[in-house]
Protein backbone atom coordinates (compact mmCIF):
# COMPACT_ATOMS: atom_id res chain seq x y z
CA MET A 1 -0.75 -8.27 -13.74
CA SER A 2 -2.91 -11.30 -12.97
CA PRO A 3 -4.23 -11.38 -9.38
CA SER A 4 -3.73 -15.18 -9.48
CA LEU A 5 0.01 -14.58 -9.14
CA PRO A 6 1.43 -14.63 -5.58
CA CYS A 7 1.04 -11.24 -3.92
CA SER A 8 4.79 -11.03 -3.28
CA VAL A 9 5.42 -11.43 -7.02
CA ILE A 10 2.83 -8.79 -7.91
CA ASN A 11 4.36 -6.38 -5.38
CA ALA A 12 8.00 -6.99 -6.35
CA PRO A 13 8.43 -3.35 -7.49
CA SER A 14 6.87 -1.92 -4.31
CA ALA A 15 9.05 -0.16 -1.74
CA LEU A 16 9.80 -2.01 1.50
CA ALA A 17 10.66 0.97 3.67
CA GLY A 18 7.88 2.15 5.95
CA THR A 19 5.96 -1.15 5.98
CA ALA A 20 7.09 -2.68 9.29
CA PRO A 21 4.50 -3.51 11.94
CA THR A 22 4.58 -1.12 14.89
CA ALA A 23 5.19 -2.28 18.46
CA THR A 24 7.39 -1.10 21.30
CA SER A 25 8.16 -4.66 22.46
CA TRP A 26 7.45 -8.24 21.43
CA LEU A 27 6.55 -11.35 23.42
CA ILE A 28 7.33 -14.47 21.41
CA LEU A 29 5.73 -17.70 22.64
CA LEU A 30 6.96 -21.16 21.66
CA HIS A 31 4.20 -23.25 20.09
CA GLN A 32 5.46 -26.23 18.13
CA GLY A 33 2.07 -27.38 16.85
CA ALA A 34 -0.14 -26.17 14.02
CA TRP A 35 -1.16 -22.51 14.10
CA GLY A 36 -4.14 -21.87 11.87
CA ASP A 37 -5.14 -18.56 10.32
CA ARG A 38 -4.93 -16.23 13.34
CA PRO A 39 -3.05 -18.18 16.01
CA VAL A 40 -2.41 -15.25 18.37
CA ASP A 41 -6.18 -14.74 18.63
CA THR A 42 -7.11 -18.41 18.93
CA LEU A 43 -4.20 -20.08 20.78
CA VAL A 44 -3.00 -17.47 23.27
CA PRO A 45 -4.85 -17.48 26.64
CA PRO A 46 -6.66 -14.27 27.68
CA GLU A 47 -4.35 -13.73 30.66
CA LEU A 48 -1.36 -13.48 28.31
CA HIS A 49 -3.16 -10.91 26.20
CA VAL A 50 -3.75 -8.90 29.37
CA TRP A 51 -0.08 -9.26 30.34
CA ALA A 52 1.01 -8.08 26.89
CA GLN A 53 -1.26 -5.04 27.08
CA GLU A 54 0.11 -4.15 30.53
CA HIS A 55 3.70 -4.43 29.22
CA ASP A 56 3.00 -2.54 25.97
CA CYS A 57 3.97 -5.39 23.68
CA LYS A 58 2.56 -7.50 20.88
CA ILE A 59 2.54 -11.30 20.78
CA LEU A 60 3.91 -13.68 18.17
CA LEU A 61 4.01 -17.48 18.15
CA ALA A 62 7.23 -19.25 17.18
CA ARG A 63 8.47 -22.76 16.53
CA THR A 64 11.81 -24.29 15.71
CA PRO A 65 12.33 -25.34 12.08
CA GLN A 66 12.86 -28.93 11.09
CA ARG A 67 16.50 -30.01 11.51
CA ALA A 68 16.93 -27.54 14.39
CA PRO A 69 17.05 -28.48 18.09
CA THR A 70 13.86 -27.68 19.98
CA PHE A 71 13.43 -25.55 23.08
CA PRO A 72 11.69 -26.66 26.29
CA LYS A 73 7.92 -26.37 26.43
CA ALA A 74 6.63 -22.98 27.63
CA THR A 75 9.76 -21.13 26.43
CA TYR A 76 9.26 -17.47 25.62
CA TRP A 77 11.41 -14.58 24.39
CA PHE A 78 10.97 -10.91 25.21
CA SER A 79 12.46 -8.21 23.02
CA ASP A 80 12.12 -4.50 23.76
CA GLY A 81 14.26 -3.24 20.89
CA GLY A 82 17.31 -2.69 23.08
CA SER A 83 20.63 -4.48 23.06
CA GLN A 84 19.50 -7.65 24.87
CA LEU A 85 17.06 -10.42 24.03
CA ARG A 86 15.68 -12.29 27.04
CA GLN A 87 14.57 -15.92 27.14
CA GLY A 88 12.58 -17.55 29.91
CA THR A 89 9.94 -20.14 30.80
CA LEU A 90 6.32 -19.32 31.53
CA THR A 91 5.35 -19.88 35.16
CA ALA A 92 2.80 -22.45 36.33
CA ASN A 93 0.23 -19.67 35.92
CA GLY A 94 1.25 -19.34 32.27
CA LEU A 95 2.80 -15.89 32.56
CA PRO A 96 6.32 -14.51 31.97
CA VAL A 97 8.45 -13.24 34.83
CA LEU A 98 10.92 -10.95 33.09
CA GLN A 99 13.30 -10.57 36.03
CA ASP A 100 13.90 -14.34 35.88
CA ALA A 101 14.53 -14.40 32.12
CA LEU A 102 18.12 -14.79 30.95
CA VAL A 103 19.91 -12.83 28.24
CA CYS A 104 20.31 -14.98 25.13
CA GLU A 105 21.78 -14.75 21.63
CA GLN A 106 20.14 -12.80 18.85
CA MET A 107 17.39 -14.57 16.91
CA LEU A 108 15.88 -14.19 13.46
CA LEU A 109 12.15 -14.76 13.08
CA ILE A 110 10.94 -15.82 9.62
CA CYS A 111 7.20 -15.83 8.96
CA THR A 112 5.83 -19.20 7.78
CA ASN A 113 2.17 -18.63 8.70
CA GLY A 114 0.87 -20.26 5.53
CA LYS A 115 -2.74 -20.41 6.71
CA ARG A 116 -2.69 -16.60 6.66
CA ASP A 117 -1.15 -16.24 3.20
CA GLN A 118 0.36 -18.70 0.73
CA CYS A 119 3.43 -16.48 0.16
CA CYS A 120 4.54 -17.02 3.76
CA ALA A 121 4.11 -20.78 3.34
CA THR A 122 5.91 -20.93 0.01
CA PHE A 123 8.64 -18.33 0.28
CA GLY A 124 9.16 -18.38 4.04
CA ARG A 125 9.49 -22.15 4.26
CA ASN A 126 11.63 -22.31 1.13
CA LEU A 127 14.00 -19.77 2.67
CA ILE A 128 14.30 -21.79 5.86
CA SER A 129 14.96 -24.96 3.87
CA GLU A 130 17.69 -23.21 1.86
CA CYS A 131 19.20 -21.85 5.09
CA ALA A 132 19.21 -25.35 6.60
CA ASP A 133 21.25 -26.54 3.62
CA SER A 134 23.64 -23.59 3.40
CA LEU A 135 24.14 -22.11 6.87
CA PRO A 136 26.55 -23.44 9.50
CA PRO A 137 24.58 -25.24 12.25
CA GLU A 138 25.50 -22.60 14.83
CA GLN A 139 23.83 -19.96 12.64
CA PHE A 140 20.79 -22.02 11.64
CA THR A 141 19.89 -22.60 15.30
CA LYS A 142 19.30 -18.84 15.62
CA ILE A 143 16.30 -19.04 13.27
CA LEU A 144 12.70 -19.46 14.44
CA GLU A 145 9.57 -19.77 12.35
CA CYS A 146 6.98 -17.21 13.45
CA SER A 147 3.33 -16.33 13.00
CA HIS A 148 2.04 -13.41 10.95
CA LEU A 149 4.37 -10.39 10.84
CA GLY A 150 2.33 -8.42 8.36
CA GLY A 151 3.44 -7.57 4.86
CA HIS A 152 3.24 -11.03 3.31
CA ARG A 153 3.34 -9.19 -0.02
CA PHE A 154 7.07 -8.83 0.78
CA ALA A 155 7.68 -12.51 1.61
CA PRO A 156 9.96 -13.94 2.80
CA THR A 157 9.56 -11.57 5.76
CA GLY A 158 11.43 -11.66 9.04
CA MET A 159 12.33 -9.74 12.16
CA MET A 160 15.71 -9.50 13.84
CA LEU A 161 15.75 -9.69 17.63
CA PRO A 162 16.60 -7.88 19.87
CA GLN A 163 16.73 -4.96 17.40
CA ASN A 164 13.06 -5.51 16.43
CA LEU A 165 14.07 -4.75 12.86
CA ALA A 166 11.50 -5.92 10.32
CA LEU A 167 12.86 -7.25 7.02
CA GLY A 168 11.51 -8.35 3.66
CA ARG A 169 12.46 -10.22 0.48
CA LEU A 170 15.10 -12.13 2.42
CA ASP A 171 17.46 -14.61 0.79
CA PRO A 172 20.02 -17.06 2.26
CA SER A 173 22.99 -14.74 1.69
CA ALA A 174 21.24 -11.92 3.56
CA VAL A 175 20.36 -14.27 6.43
CA LEU A 176 23.94 -15.53 6.71
CA ARG A 177 25.36 -12.00 6.77
CA LEU A 178 22.75 -10.93 9.29
CA LEU A 179 23.40 -13.81 11.69
CA ALA A 180 27.18 -13.94 11.28
CA ASP A 181 28.00 -10.22 11.16
CA GLN A 182 24.80 -8.54 12.38
CA ALA A 183 24.82 -6.60 9.12
CA VAL A 184 22.02 -6.09 6.62
CA ASP A 185 21.74 -4.21 3.34
CA SER A 186 19.17 -1.43 3.12
CA ARG A 187 17.25 -3.22 0.35
CA TYR A 188 15.92 -5.70 2.94
CA VAL A 189 14.93 -3.11 5.57
CA ARG A 190 11.24 -2.49 6.27
CA GLY A 191 12.00 -0.59 9.47
CA SER A 192 12.25 -0.80 13.24
CA THR A 193 8.92 -1.62 14.82
CA SER A 194 9.35 1.11 17.46
CA LEU A 195 9.19 3.78 14.71
CA SER A 196 6.24 5.17 12.79
CA PRO A 197 6.01 4.30 9.07
CA ALA A 198 7.27 7.77 8.10
CA GLN A 199 10.23 7.42 10.47
CA GLN A 200 10.94 3.94 9.08
CA VAL A 201 11.31 5.44 5.59
CA ILE A 202 13.91 7.89 6.91
CA GLN A 203 15.68 5.10 8.79
CA ALA A 204 15.93 2.98 5.63
CA HIS A 205 17.07 5.99 3.58
CA LEU A 206 19.97 6.65 5.97
CA TRP A 207 20.79 2.98 6.57
CA PRO A 208 23.24 1.81 7.94
CA VAL A 209 23.82 5.22 9.58
CA ALA A 210 21.73 5.48 12.74
CA ALA A 211 18.97 8.09 12.86
CA GLU A 212 18.08 9.75 16.15
CA PHE A 213 14.65 11.37 15.93
CA CYS A 214 14.54 14.62 17.91
CA SER A 215 11.18 16.21 17.06
CA SER A 216 8.30 15.96 14.61
CA ALA A 217 5.33 17.91 13.29
CA VAL A 218 2.38 16.66 11.26
CA MET A 219 0.70 18.91 8.69
CA GLY A 220 -2.09 17.00 6.96
CA SER A 221 -0.45 14.39 4.71
CA PHE A 222 3.03 15.80 5.40
CA SER A 223 5.30 15.03 8.35
CA GLU A 224 8.45 16.94 9.24
CA PHE A 225 11.17 15.35 11.35
CA THR A 226 14.27 16.78 12.94
CA VAL A 227 16.86 14.01 12.90
CA ARG A 228 20.34 13.78 14.33
CA VAL A 229 22.65 12.03 11.86
CA GLY A 230 26.11 11.63 13.32
CA ASP A 231 27.21 15.10 14.43
CA ALA A 232 24.73 16.89 12.17
CA THR A 233 21.05 17.74 12.59
CA GLU A 234 18.86 17.51 9.50
CA THR A 235 15.22 18.07 8.64
CA PHE A 236 13.25 15.56 6.59
CA LEU A 237 9.85 16.11 4.98
CA VAL A 238 7.80 12.97 4.33
CA LYS A 239 4.57 12.82 2.32
CA GLN A 240 1.87 10.19 2.81
CA THR A 241 -0.13 9.06 -0.22
CA MET A 242 -2.58 6.23 -0.83
CA ALA A 243 -2.00 3.60 -3.50
CA GLN A 244 -3.99 0.65 -4.79
CA GLN A 245 -2.19 -2.63 -4.04
CA ILE A 246 -2.98 -6.32 -3.73
CA ALA A 247 -2.00 -6.91 -0.10
CA SER A 248 -2.75 -10.65 0.08
CA CYS A 249 -2.91 -13.58 -2.29
CA GLY A 250 -6.28 -14.05 -4.00
CA THR A 251 -7.71 -10.69 -2.92
CA GLU A 252 -8.71 -7.54 -4.74
CA GLN A 253 -6.74 -4.31 -4.61
CA LYS A 254 -7.15 -2.06 -1.61
CA GLN A 255 -5.80 1.31 -0.57
CA ILE A 256 -2.50 1.16 1.32
CA ALA A 257 -0.59 4.12 2.73
CA GLN A 258 2.81 4.88 1.26
CA PHE A 259 5.43 7.29 2.58
CA THR A 260 7.99 9.16 0.48
CA ILE A 261 10.79 11.53 1.44
CA ILE A 262 10.26 14.74 -0.53
CA GLY A 263 12.72 17.02 1.24
CA ARG A 264 15.98 16.92 3.19
CA ASN A 265 17.79 19.95 4.59
């Protein structure tokens, strides 16, 4: 297939599961202006990077889409993967104070960081435009554009907060169901960012049934997990392999890890 095609078109047959970024928590900073290629590196002050490291979280930038009401300057969101998303305002020193942040409604981040990859610009922004036309206003206001989430070869990509659930190949019907009913089909699931890639594959395989990971063991390229599924305890064996893929638009193939379930008892 021609490498001149968008990377998300080239990778249409590739599996989504096990490709989510990994982070325990996320700090999302409102920045309504232009972002550039790597905005977290260039636009976020050093003291916020230190704060994020101390609180074991990664940083994203966000902005409200056109046709959506804006938030006050210095707004931030903090999501630790639990049941509550918190929203606050940075202090005069430019830092979050989590105990002052208020619980807010769920949000959906959709990557539109076009300076990083054209698929995010094209497919991410097109998705937001379609959602603006088709979603009720009360649902559309729960959407934020965000900086690079990784996996632009699966654009449009997104992440549901506060679940920290990474998603790919989104469409307006999936977004509506997600925001209205907090439900998502397994074909959009990349995985929870608190899980390892191998665990994400198991999570997507069992979806929507919740997986509780009890123990694990790594043996070379194989990983074994003991997982509680409902009232039962099962063992999964996952194999890691390397595959040649075009990860970004206009680039050559590179080796990317893939994870496959090869056993379940």
